[in-house]
Amino acid sequence: MKRKAAPAKPAAQPASVKSPPKAGLLRKAARVGAILVGTRVAAETGKKGAVGLLAGMGAKRLILRYPMGAMFVTGAYLAGRLYEAKREVDRKRGVKALPDEGAEPILIDEARSRRAGR
């Protein structure tokens, strides 16, 4: 007995392929900001290698997923930067520069008159 050929299936119309929605300008800016803050956090951990990389990746992930996380991580990073800058200014204020008493000061008028006398 011969087998009958399977009935031909009707030609299915090709499904329309939609391109994924394009990321908006705000999303692109958020990604750039997340990358910048993530790399800075990784650098500021003071540890190179896996620990810094994980800290940066975690910060980036938190920034991109949660708006409050973005504000928290970025705010904490900026607060740390401001604190370090203030400590540096306070440290520089505490150091008194020694005055240069090795030579007598020359008055501007005197220097000009000597120069003109040449």
C-alpha atoms as a PDB file:
ATOM      1  CA  MET A   1       0.000   0.000   0.000  1.00  0.00           C
ATOM      2  CA  LYS A   2       1.263   3.376  -0.908  1.00  0.00           C
ATOM      3  CA  ARG A   3       1.350   6.134   1.562  1.00  0.00           C
ATOM      4  CA  LYS A   4      -0.463   9.214   0.721  1.00  0.00           C
ATOM      5  CA  ALA A   5       1.521  12.414   0.769  1.00  0.00           C
ATOM      6  CA  ALA A   6       0.725  14.642   3.668  1.00  0.00           C
ATOM      7  CA  PRO A   7      -1.565  17.438   2.710  1.00  0.00           C
ATOM      8  CA  ALA A   8       0.377  20.580   1.958  1.00  0.00           C
ATOM      9  CA  LYS A   9       0.097  23.154   4.688  1.00  0.00           C
ATOM     10  CA  PRO A  10      -1.069  26.499   3.552  1.00  0.00           C
ATOM     11  CA  ALA A  11       1.837  28.861   3.135  1.00  0.00           C
ATOM     12  CA  ALA A  12       2.099  30.820   6.318  1.00  0.00           C
ATOM     13  CA  GLN A  13       2.573  34.480   5.890  1.00  0.00           C
ATOM     14  CA  PRO A  14       5.924  35.580   7.165  1.00  0.00           C
ATOM     15  CA  ALA A  15       5.589  37.190  10.536  1.00  0.00           C
ATOM     16  CA  SER A  16       6.403  40.821  10.431  1.00  0.00           C
ATOM     17  CA  VAL A  17       9.718  41.286  12.150  1.00  0.00           C
ATOM     18  CA  LYS A  18       9.721  44.312  14.342  1.00  0.00           C
ATOM     19  CA  SER A  19      12.971  45.924  15.192  1.00  0.00           C
ATOM     20  CA  PRO A  20      13.443  46.490  18.887  1.00  0.00           C
ATOM     21  CA  PRO A  21      12.455  49.933  20.032  1.00  0.00           C
ATOM     22  CA  LYS A  22      15.307  52.383  19.800  1.00  0.00           C
ATOM     23  CA  ALA A  23      16.711  53.617  23.029  1.00  0.00           C
ATOM     24  CA  GLY A  24      15.813  57.211  23.657  1.00  0.00           C
ATOM     25  CA  LEU A  25      18.262  59.989  24.301  1.00  0.00           C
ATOM     26  CA  LEU A  26      17.566  59.855  28.026  1.00  0.00           C
ATOM     27  CA  ARG A  27      18.369  56.127  28.168  1.00  0.00           C
ATOM     28  CA  LYS A  28      21.605  56.688  26.249  1.00  0.00           C
ATOM     29  CA  ALA A  29      22.588  59.498  28.604  1.00  0.00           C
ATOM     30  CA  ALA A  30      21.795  57.246  31.563  1.00  0.00           C
ATOM     31  CA  ARG A  31      24.049  54.528  30.160  1.00  0.00           C
ATOM     32  CA  VAL A  32      26.922  56.946  29.631  1.00  0.00           C
ATOM     33  CA  GLY A  33      26.458  58.332  33.139  1.00  0.00           C
ATOM     34  CA  ALA A  34      26.283  54.856  34.605  1.00  0.00           C
ATOM     35  CA  ILE A  35      29.488  53.859  32.858  1.00  0.00           C
ATOM     36  CA  LEU A  36      31.269  56.977  34.083  1.00  0.00           C
ATOM     37  CA  VAL A  37      30.139  56.566  37.673  1.00  0.00           C
ATOM     38  CA  GLY A  38      30.794  52.822  37.557  1.00  0.00           C
ATOM     39  CA  THR A  39      34.375  53.290  36.395  1.00  0.00           C
ATOM     40  CA  ARG A  40      34.992  56.017  38.973  1.00  0.00           C
ATOM     41  CA  VAL A  41      33.569  53.829  41.740  1.00  0.00           C
ATOM     42  CA  ALA A  42      35.795  50.988  40.573  1.00  0.00           C
ATOM     43  CA  ALA A  43      38.825  53.286  40.624  1.00  0.00           C
ATOM     44  CA  GLU A  44      37.957  54.800  44.014  1.00  0.00           C
ATOM     45  CA  THR A  45      37.692  51.428  45.751  1.00  0.00           C
ATOM     46  CA  GLY A  46      41.457  51.473  45.860  1.00  0.00           C
ATOM     47  CA  LYS A  47      41.645  47.851  44.842  1.00  0.00           C
ATOM     48  CA  LYS A  48      42.528  46.792  41.380  1.00  0.00           C
ATOM     49  CA  GLY A  49      41.266  43.687  39.738  1.00  0.00           C
ATOM     50  CA  ALA A  50      38.119  41.765  40.529  1.00  0.00           C
ATOM     51  CA  VAL A  51      36.997  43.767  43.574  1.00  0.00           C
ATOM     52  CA  GLY A  52      37.088  47.095  41.740  1.00  0.00           C
ATOM     53  CA  LEU A  53      35.495  45.569  38.667  1.00  0.00           C
ATOM     54  CA  LEU A  54      32.651  44.064  40.706  1.00  0.00           C
ATOM     55  CA  ALA A  55      32.075  47.352  42.539  1.00  0.00           C
ATOM     56  CA  GLY A  56      31.887  49.239  39.245  1.00  0.00           C
ATOM     57  CA  MET A  57      29.605  46.675  37.640  1.00  0.00           C
ATOM     58  CA  GLY A  58      27.346  46.678  40.685  1.00  0.00           C
ATOM     59  CA  ALA A  59      27.132  50.467  40.667  1.00  0.00           C
ATOM     60  CA  LYS A  60      26.327  50.496  36.943  1.00  0.00           C
ATOM     61  CA  ARG A  61      23.661  47.823  37.346  1.00  0.00           C
ATOM     62  CA  LEU A  62      22.076  49.645  40.273  1.00  0.00           C
ATOM     63  CA  ILE A  63      22.048  52.938  38.367  1.00  0.00           C
ATOM     64  CA  LEU A  64      20.435  51.472  35.270  1.00  0.00           C
ATOM     65  CA  ARG A  65      17.803  49.383  37.069  1.00  0.00           C
ATOM     66  CA  TYR A  66      16.594  51.645  39.829  1.00  0.00           C
ATOM     67  CA  PRO A  67      16.174  55.441  39.650  1.00  0.00           C
ATOM     68  CA  MET A  68      16.541  55.762  43.432  1.00  0.00           C
ATOM     69  CA  GLY A  69      19.652  53.617  43.241  1.00  0.00           C
ATOM     70  CA  ALA A  70      21.049  55.990  40.643  1.00  0.00           C
ATOM     71  CA  MET A  71      20.498  58.941  42.935  1.00  0.00           C
ATOM     72  CA  PHE A  72      21.946  57.079  45.908  1.00  0.00           C
ATOM     73  CA  VAL A  73      25.100  55.818  44.196  1.00  0.00           C
ATOM     74  CA  THR A  74      25.784  59.076  42.363  1.00  0.00           C
ATOM     75  CA  GLY A  75      25.056  61.147  45.466  1.00  0.00           C
ATOM     76  CA  ALA A  76      27.312  58.999  47.621  1.00  0.00           C
ATOM     77  CA  TYR A  77      30.091  59.213  45.046  1.00  0.00           C
ATOM     78  CA  LEU A  78      29.810  63.012  44.768  1.00  0.00           C
ATOM     79  CA  ALA A  79      29.611  63.416  48.558  1.00  0.00           C
ATOM     80  CA  GLY A  80      32.782  61.378  48.906  1.00  0.00           C
ATOM     81  CA  ARG A  81      34.526  63.534  46.317  1.00  0.00           C
ATOM     82  CA  LEU A  82      33.464  66.731  48.115  1.00  0.00           C
ATOM     83  CA  TYR A  83      34.618  65.335  51.454  1.00  0.00           C
ATOM     84  CA  GLU A  84      38.029  64.423  50.031  1.00  0.00           C
ATOM     85  CA  ALA A  85      38.377  67.884  48.445  1.00  0.00           C
ATOM     86  CA  LYS A  86      37.527  69.556  51.757  1.00  0.00           C
ATOM     87  CA  ARG A  87      40.067  67.411  53.605  1.00  0.00           C
ATOM     88  CA  GLU A  88      42.716  68.360  51.043  1.00  0.00           C
ATOM     89  CA  VAL A  89      41.948  72.085  51.432  1.00  0.00           C
ATOM     90  CA  ASP A  90      42.059  71.791  55.223  1.00  0.00           C
ATOM     91  CA  ARG A  91      45.351  69.939  55.015  1.00  0.00           C
ATOM     92  CA  LYS A  92      46.861  72.627  52.806  1.00  0.00           C
ATOM     93  CA  ARG A  93      45.676  75.346  55.183  1.00  0.00           C
ATOM     94  CA  GLY A  94      47.328  73.610  58.090  1.00  0.00           C
ATOM     95  CA  VAL A  95      50.715  73.607  56.398  1.00  0.00           C
ATOM     96  CA  LYS A  96      52.382  76.978  56.843  1.00  0.00           C
ATOM     97  CA  ALA A  97      54.727  77.932  54.056  1.00  0.00           C
ATOM     98  CA  LEU A  98      58.064  79.225  55.245  1.00  0.00           C
ATOM     99  CA  PRO A  99      58.778  82.781  54.124  1.00  0.00           C
ATOM    100  CA  ASP A 100      61.777  83.338  51.889  1.00  0.00           C
ATOM    101  CA  GLU A 101      64.073  85.534  53.960  1.00  0.00           C
ATOM    102  CA  GLY A 102      67.216  84.716  52.016  1.00  0.00           C
ATOM    103  CA  ALA A 103      67.180  87.826  49.862  1.00  0.00           C
ATOM    104  CA  GLU A 104      65.993  91.372  50.381  1.00  0.00           C
ATOM    105  CA  PRO A 105      62.957  92.376  48.362  1.00  0.00           C
ATOM    106  CA  ILE A 106      63.586  94.646  45.413  1.00  0.00           C
ATOM    107  CA  LEU A 107      61.155  97.468  44.865  1.00  0.00           C
ATOM    108  CA  ILE A 108      59.573  97.665  41.426  1.00  0.00           C
ATOM    109  CA  ASP A 109      60.567 101.314  40.914  1.00  0.00           C
ATOM    110  CA  GLU A 110      64.161 100.524  41.819  1.00  0.00           C
ATOM    111  CA  ALA A 111      64.280  97.583  39.421  1.00  0.00           C
ATOM    112  CA  ARG A 112      62.861  99.702  36.593  1.00  0.00           C
ATOM    113  CA  SER A 113      65.366 102.475  37.195  1.00  0.00           C
ATOM    114  CA  ARG A 114      68.253  99.972  37.156  1.00  0.00           C
ATOM    115  CA  ARG A 115      66.969  98.469  33.937  1.00  0.00           C
ATOM    116  CA  ALA A 116      66.573 101.854  32.273  1.00  0.00           C
ATOM    117  CA  GLY A 117      70.104 102.823  33.361  1.00  0.00           C
ATOM    118  CA  ARG A 118      71.686 100.073  31.261  1.00  0.00           C
END
